[in-house]
C-alpha atoms as a PDB file:
ATOM      1  CA  MET A   1     118.114   8.480 154.911  1.00  0.00           C
ATOM      2  CA  SER A   2     116.165   5.967 156.160  1.00  0.00           C
ATOM      3  CA  SER A   3     117.321   2.103 155.219  1.00  0.00           C
ATOM      4  CA  ARG A   4     115.396  -0.115 152.644  1.00  0.00           C
ATOM      5  CA  VAL A   5     115.174  -3.944 151.963  1.00  0.00           C
ATOM      6  CA  PHE A   6     117.585  -3.640 148.996  1.00  0.00           C
ATOM      7  CA  HIS A   7     120.469  -2.267 151.188  1.00  0.00           C
ATOM      8  CA  ILE A   8     120.269  -5.677 153.325  1.00  0.00           C
ATOM      9  CA  LEU A   9     120.067  -7.617 149.814  1.00  0.00           C
ATOM     10  CA  ALA A  10     123.075  -5.652 148.820  1.00  0.00           C
ATOM     11  CA  GLN A  11     125.046  -6.466 151.515  1.00  0.00           C
ATOM     12  CA  LYS A  12     123.995 -10.353 151.908  1.00  0.00           C
ATOM     13  CA  GLY A  13     123.002 -11.167 148.464  1.00  0.00           C
ATOM     14  CA  SER A  14     119.857 -12.643 146.814  1.00  0.00           C
ATOM     15  CA  THR A  15     120.488 -16.067 147.072  1.00  0.00           C
ATOM     16  CA  VAL A  16     117.943 -17.733 149.005  1.00  0.00           C
ATOM     17  CA  ILE A  17     117.779 -21.481 150.273  1.00  0.00           C
ATOM     18  CA  THR A  18     114.389 -22.601 149.855  1.00  0.00           C
ATOM     19  CA  VAL A  19     112.501 -25.944 150.087  1.00  0.00           C
ATOM     20  CA  ARG A  20     109.449 -27.645 148.396  1.00  0.00           C
ATOM     21  CA  ALA A  21     105.959 -27.844 149.699  1.00  0.00           C
ATOM     22  CA  ASP A  22     106.406 -31.709 149.563  1.00  0.00           C
ATOM     23  CA  ASP A  23     109.618 -32.038 151.380  1.00  0.00           C
ATOM     24  CA  PRO A  24     109.730 -34.136 154.266  1.00  0.00           C
ATOM     25  CA  ILE A  25     109.971 -32.125 157.283  1.00  0.00           C
ATOM     26  CA  LEU A  26     113.249 -34.180 158.382  1.00  0.00           C
ATOM     27  CA  GLY A  27     114.837 -33.201 155.205  1.00  0.00           C
ATOM     28  CA  VAL A  28     113.582 -29.554 155.684  1.00  0.00           C
ATOM     29  CA  ALA A  29     115.314 -29.514 159.146  1.00  0.00           C
ATOM     30  CA  THR A  30     118.478 -31.031 158.180  1.00  0.00           C
ATOM     31  CA  ILE A  31     118.670 -28.085 155.517  1.00  0.00           C
ATOM     32  CA  LEU A  32     118.203 -25.262 157.937  1.00  0.00           C
ATOM     33  CA  ALA A  33     120.693 -26.778 160.259  1.00  0.00           C
ATOM     34  CA  GLN A  34     123.474 -27.488 157.263  1.00  0.00           C
ATOM     35  CA  HIS A  35     122.972 -23.832 156.168  1.00  0.00           C
ATOM     36  CA  ASN A  36     122.668 -22.532 159.970  1.00  0.00           C
ATOM     37  CA  ILE A  37     119.659 -20.671 159.142  1.00  0.00           C
ATOM     38  CA  GLY A  38     116.210 -20.420 160.937  1.00  0.00           C
ATOM     39  CA  GLY A  39     113.775 -20.552 158.135  1.00  0.00           C
ATOM     40  CA  ALA A  40     113.292 -21.108 154.444  1.00  0.00           C
ATOM     41  CA  PRO A  41     110.737 -20.076 152.113  1.00  0.00           C
ATOM     42  CA  VAL A  42     108.325 -22.709 150.659  1.00  0.00           C
ATOM     43  CA  LEU A  43     108.172 -22.974 146.859  1.00  0.00           C
ATOM     44  CA  GLY A  44     105.462 -24.785 144.884  1.00  0.00           C
ATOM     45  CA  PRO A  45     105.484 -26.474 141.331  1.00  0.00           C
ATOM     46  CA  ASP A  46     105.508 -23.035 139.995  1.00  0.00           C
ATOM     47  CA  GLU A  47     108.360 -21.460 141.611  1.00  0.00           C
ATOM     48  CA  GLN A  48     105.788 -19.182 143.497  1.00  0.00           C
ATOM     49  CA  LEU A  49     106.058 -18.784 147.096  1.00  0.00           C
ATOM     50  CA  VAL A  50     103.440 -20.638 148.876  1.00  0.00           C
ATOM     51  CA  GLY A  51     104.779 -20.228 152.736  1.00  0.00           C
ATOM     52  CA  LEU A  52     107.735 -20.293 154.937  1.00  0.00           C
ATOM     53  CA  VAL A  53     108.917 -23.264 157.355  1.00  0.00           C
ATOM     54  CA  SER A  54     111.080 -22.207 160.353  1.00  0.00           C
ATOM     55  CA  GLU A  55     112.628 -23.455 163.465  1.00  0.00           C
ATOM     56  CA  LYS A  56     109.953 -22.232 165.475  1.00  0.00           C
ATOM     57  CA  GLY A  57     107.363 -24.165 163.374  1.00  0.00           C
ATOM     58  CA  ILE A  58     109.295 -27.421 163.363  1.00  0.00           C
ATOM     59  CA  VAL A  59     109.668 -27.056 167.309  1.00  0.00           C
ATOM     60  CA  HIS A  60     105.815 -26.518 167.518  1.00  0.00           C
ATOM     61  CA  ALA A  61     105.063 -29.321 165.452  1.00  0.00           C
ATOM     62  CA  LEU A  62     107.457 -31.669 167.155  1.00  0.00           C
ATOM     63  CA  SER A  63     105.306 -30.912 170.719  1.00  0.00           C
ATOM     64  CA  GLN A  64     102.060 -31.530 168.772  1.00  0.00           C
ATOM     65  CA  ARG A  65     102.760 -34.868 166.997  1.00  0.00           C
ATOM     66  CA  GLY A  66     106.235 -35.937 168.525  1.00  0.00           C
ATOM     67  CA  ALA A  67     107.577 -38.931 166.727  1.00  0.00           C
ATOM     68  CA  ASP A  68     105.019 -38.670 164.243  1.00  0.00           C
ATOM     69  CA  ILE A  69     106.737 -35.274 162.785  1.00  0.00           C
ATOM     70  CA  ALA A  70     108.616 -37.594 160.468  1.00  0.00           C
ATOM     71  CA  THR A  71     105.641 -38.191 158.509  1.00  0.00           C
ATOM     72  CA  LEU A  72     105.110 -34.402 157.745  1.00  0.00           C
ATOM     73  CA  THR A  73     106.132 -32.378 155.131  1.00  0.00           C
ATOM     74  CA  ALA A  74     106.957 -28.604 154.800  1.00  0.00           C
ATOM     75  CA  ARG A  75     103.473 -27.999 153.742  1.00  0.00           C
ATOM     76  CA  ASP A  76     102.034 -29.704 156.900  1.00  0.00           C
ATOM     77  CA  ILE A  77     103.904 -26.818 159.095  1.00  0.00           C
ATOM     78  CA  MET A  78     104.754 -23.816 157.212  1.00  0.00           C
ATOM     79  CA  THR A  79     103.125 -20.439 157.959  1.00  0.00           C
ATOM     80  CA  LYS A  80     100.833 -19.613 154.848  1.00  0.00           C
ATOM     81  CA  ASP A  81      99.937 -15.995 156.127  1.00  0.00           C
ATOM     82  CA  MET A  82     103.334 -14.553 156.527  1.00  0.00           C
ATOM     83  CA  PRO A  83     104.150 -10.798 155.860  1.00  0.00           C
ATOM     84  CA  THR A  84     106.073 -10.038 152.556  1.00  0.00           C
ATOM     85  CA  ALA A  85     108.462  -7.402 151.527  1.00  0.00           C
ATOM     86  CA  THR A  86     109.566  -5.625 148.269  1.00  0.00           C
ATOM     87  CA  PRO A  87     113.103  -4.244 147.795  1.00  0.00           C
ATOM     88  CA  ASP A  88     111.822  -0.600 148.450  1.00  0.00           C
ATOM     89  CA  ASP A  89     110.062  -1.354 151.925  1.00  0.00           C
ATOM     90  CA  SER A  90     111.827   0.493 154.790  1.00  0.00           C
ATOM     91  CA  ILE A  91     113.318  -1.808 157.247  1.00  0.00           C
ATOM     92  CA  TYR A  92     111.409   0.029 159.903  1.00  0.00           C
ATOM     93  CA  ASP A  93     108.371  -0.994 158.387  1.00  0.00           C
ATOM     94  CA  ILE A  94     109.669  -4.667 157.614  1.00  0.00           C
ATOM     95  CA  ALA A  95     110.623  -4.715 161.750  1.00  0.00           C
ATOM     96  CA  CYS A  96     107.096  -3.692 162.633  1.00  0.00           C
ATOM     97  CA  ARG A  97     105.713  -6.441 160.459  1.00  0.00           C
ATOM     98  CA  MET A  98     108.057  -9.284 162.302  1.00  0.00           C
ATOM     99  CA  THR A  99     107.061  -8.077 165.608  1.00  0.00           C
ATOM    100  CA  TYR A 100     103.006  -7.616 164.998  1.00  0.00           C
ATOM    101  CA  SER A 101     103.091 -11.366 163.126  1.00  0.00           C
ATOM    102  CA  ARG A 102     105.952 -13.097 165.386  1.00  0.00           C
ATOM    103  CA  ASN A 103     107.960 -13.970 162.271  1.00  0.00           C
ATOM    104  CA  ARG A 104     111.733 -13.669 161.972  1.00  0.00           C
ATOM    105  CA  HIS A 105     111.896 -14.255 158.346  1.00  0.00           C
ATOM    106  CA  VAL A 106     110.166 -12.186 155.824  1.00  0.00           C
ATOM    107  CA  PRO A 107     110.437 -13.066 152.136  1.00  0.00           C
ATOM    108  CA  VAL A 108     111.084 -10.380 149.373  1.00  0.00           C
ATOM    109  CA  LEU A 109     109.239 -10.535 146.635  1.00  0.00           C
ATOM    110  CA  GLU A 110     109.773  -8.437 143.221  1.00  0.00           C
ATOM    111  CA  ASN A 111     107.164  -8.563 140.587  1.00  0.00           C
ATOM    112  CA  GLY A 112     105.544 -11.493 142.297  1.00  0.00           C
ATOM    113  CA  LYS A 113     109.005 -13.808 142.288  1.00  0.00           C
ATOM    114  CA  LEU A 114     110.976 -14.297 145.412  1.00  0.00           C
ATOM    115  CA  ALA A 115     113.963 -12.068 145.307  1.00  0.00           C
ATOM    116  CA  GLY A 116     115.391 -12.567 148.922  1.00  0.00           C
ATOM    117  CA  LEU A 117     114.895 -12.875 152.488  1.00  0.00           C
ATOM    118  CA  VAL A 118     115.605 -10.738 155.399  1.00  0.00           C
ATOM    119  CA  SER A 119     115.722 -12.161 158.836  1.00  0.00           C
ATOM    120  CA  ILE A 120     115.765 -10.198 162.176  1.00  0.00           C
ATOM    121  CA  GLY A 121     119.270 -10.818 162.643  1.00  0.00           C
ATOM    122  CA  ASP A 122     119.916  -8.990 159.233  1.00  0.00           C
ATOM    123  CA  ILE A 123     118.018  -6.084 160.565  1.00  0.00           C
ATOM    124  CA  VAL A 124     120.058  -6.188 163.810  1.00  0.00           C
ATOM    125  CA  LYS A 125     123.086  -6.069 162.067  1.00  0.00           C
ATOM    126  CA  LEU A 126     122.192  -3.198 159.815  1.00  0.00           C
ATOM    127  CA  ARG A 127     121.077  -1.067 162.530  1.00  0.00           C
ATOM    128  CA  ALA A 128     124.140  -1.906 164.402  1.00  0.00           C
ATOM    129  CA  GLU A 129     126.215  -1.077 161.501  1.00  0.00           C
ATOM    130  CA  ASN A 130     124.418   2.281 161.219  1.00  0.00           C
ATOM    131  CA  ALA A 131     124.540   3.277 164.552  1.00  0.00           C
ATOM    132  CA  GLU A 132     128.334   2.578 164.725  1.00  0.00           C
ATOM    133  CA  GLN A 133     128.776   4.683 161.538  1.00  0.00           C
ATOM    134  CA  GLU A 134     126.670   7.602 163.095  1.00  0.00           C
ATOM    135  CA  ALA A 135     128.498   7.483 166.429  1.00  0.00           C
ATOM    136  CA  ARG A 136     131.921   7.676 164.105  1.00  0.00           C
ATOM    137  CA  GLU A 137     130.576  10.658 162.329  1.00  0.00           C
ATOM    138  CA  LEU A 138     129.397  12.632 165.168  1.00  0.00           C
ATOM    139  CA  GLN A 139     132.440  12.123 166.987  1.00  0.00           C
ATOM    140  CA  ASP A 140     134.257  13.580 163.884  1.00  0.00           C
ATOM    141  CA  TYR A 141     132.100  16.199 163.897  1.00  0.00           C
ATOM    142  CA  VAL A 142     132.539  17.397 167.573  1.00  0.00           C
ATOM    143  CA  THR A 143     136.592  16.792 167.353  1.00  0.00           C
ATOM    144  CA  GLY A 144     136.416  18.885 164.022  1.00  0.00           C
ATOM    145  CA  SER A 145     137.725  16.023 161.962  1.00  0.00           C
ATOM    146  CA  ASP A 146     136.738  16.809 158.497  1.00  0.00           C
ATOM    147  CA  HIS A 147     134.113  19.095 159.263  1.00  0.00           C
ATOM    148  CA  GLY A 148     133.367  22.729 159.926  1.00  0.00           C
ATOM    149  CA  ALA A 149     132.957  22.292 163.480  1.00  0.00           C
ATOM    150  CA  VAL A 150     133.006  25.316 165.630  1.00  0.00           C
ATOM    151  CA  GLN A 151     136.113  25.249 167.782  1.00  0.00           C
ATOM    152  CA  PRO A 152     135.397  25.918 171.554  1.00  0.00           C
ATOM    153  CA  PRO A 153     136.590  29.421 172.853  1.00  0.00           C
ATOM    154  CA  ASN A 154     139.622  29.732 175.194  1.00  0.00           C
ATOM    155  CA  ASP A 155     138.105  29.623 178.247  1.00  0.00           C
ATOM    156  CA  PRO A 156     139.566  28.048 181.478  1.00  0.00           C
ATOM    157  CA  PRO A 157     138.945  24.192 181.825  1.00  0.00           C
ATOM    158  CA  PRO A 158     135.695  23.714 184.049  1.00  0.00           C
ATOM    159  CA  VAL A 159     135.879  23.034 187.645  1.00  0.00           C
ATOM    160  CA  GLN A 160     136.085  19.026 188.256  1.00  0.00           C
ATOM    161  CA  CYS A 161     134.276  17.320 191.136  1.00  0.00           C
ATOM    162  CA  GLY A 162     136.579  17.161 193.980  1.00  0.00           C
ATOM    163  CA  ASP A 163     139.088  20.325 192.710  1.00  0.00           C
ATOM    164  CA  LYS A 164     139.521  22.807 194.975  1.00  0.00           C
ATOM    165  CA  LYS A 165     138.640  26.561 194.183  1.00  0.00           C
ATOM    166  CA  SER A 166     141.481  28.525 194.286  1.00  0.00           C
END
């Protein structure tokens, strides 16, 4: 079974820290820092997703504008053309979209409304948990715990490197 976006949202919840398009960028940076997050969806006056602001975007704007960054708003630096997902999208597809678009955050939309946000960290965490679970299941299978594993025959143990043959 392949993991889906809703698996991540079920684990982390659907609460999303958002900002407004007209929020000053220094305020946006403060929000990101306070919540220890790397990006936030930008909502317009009608609560619709209009973009995404990220640490990467803030750093880029700082390198271009210097101290003038204080005059900018989220609208000025947000990414408008970012990938989005639905709860039923596969994690693999989302990871590919992130890779090709070079975005570390993907807003999740359900019926046109923001339903969550998936980050590259969320995907790595889920993949690591899945790998750990699979390793435990394989180990249980091999050792016969709670599974119908085939028991090896009573053959003599194999010769180890360095052992002398009798």
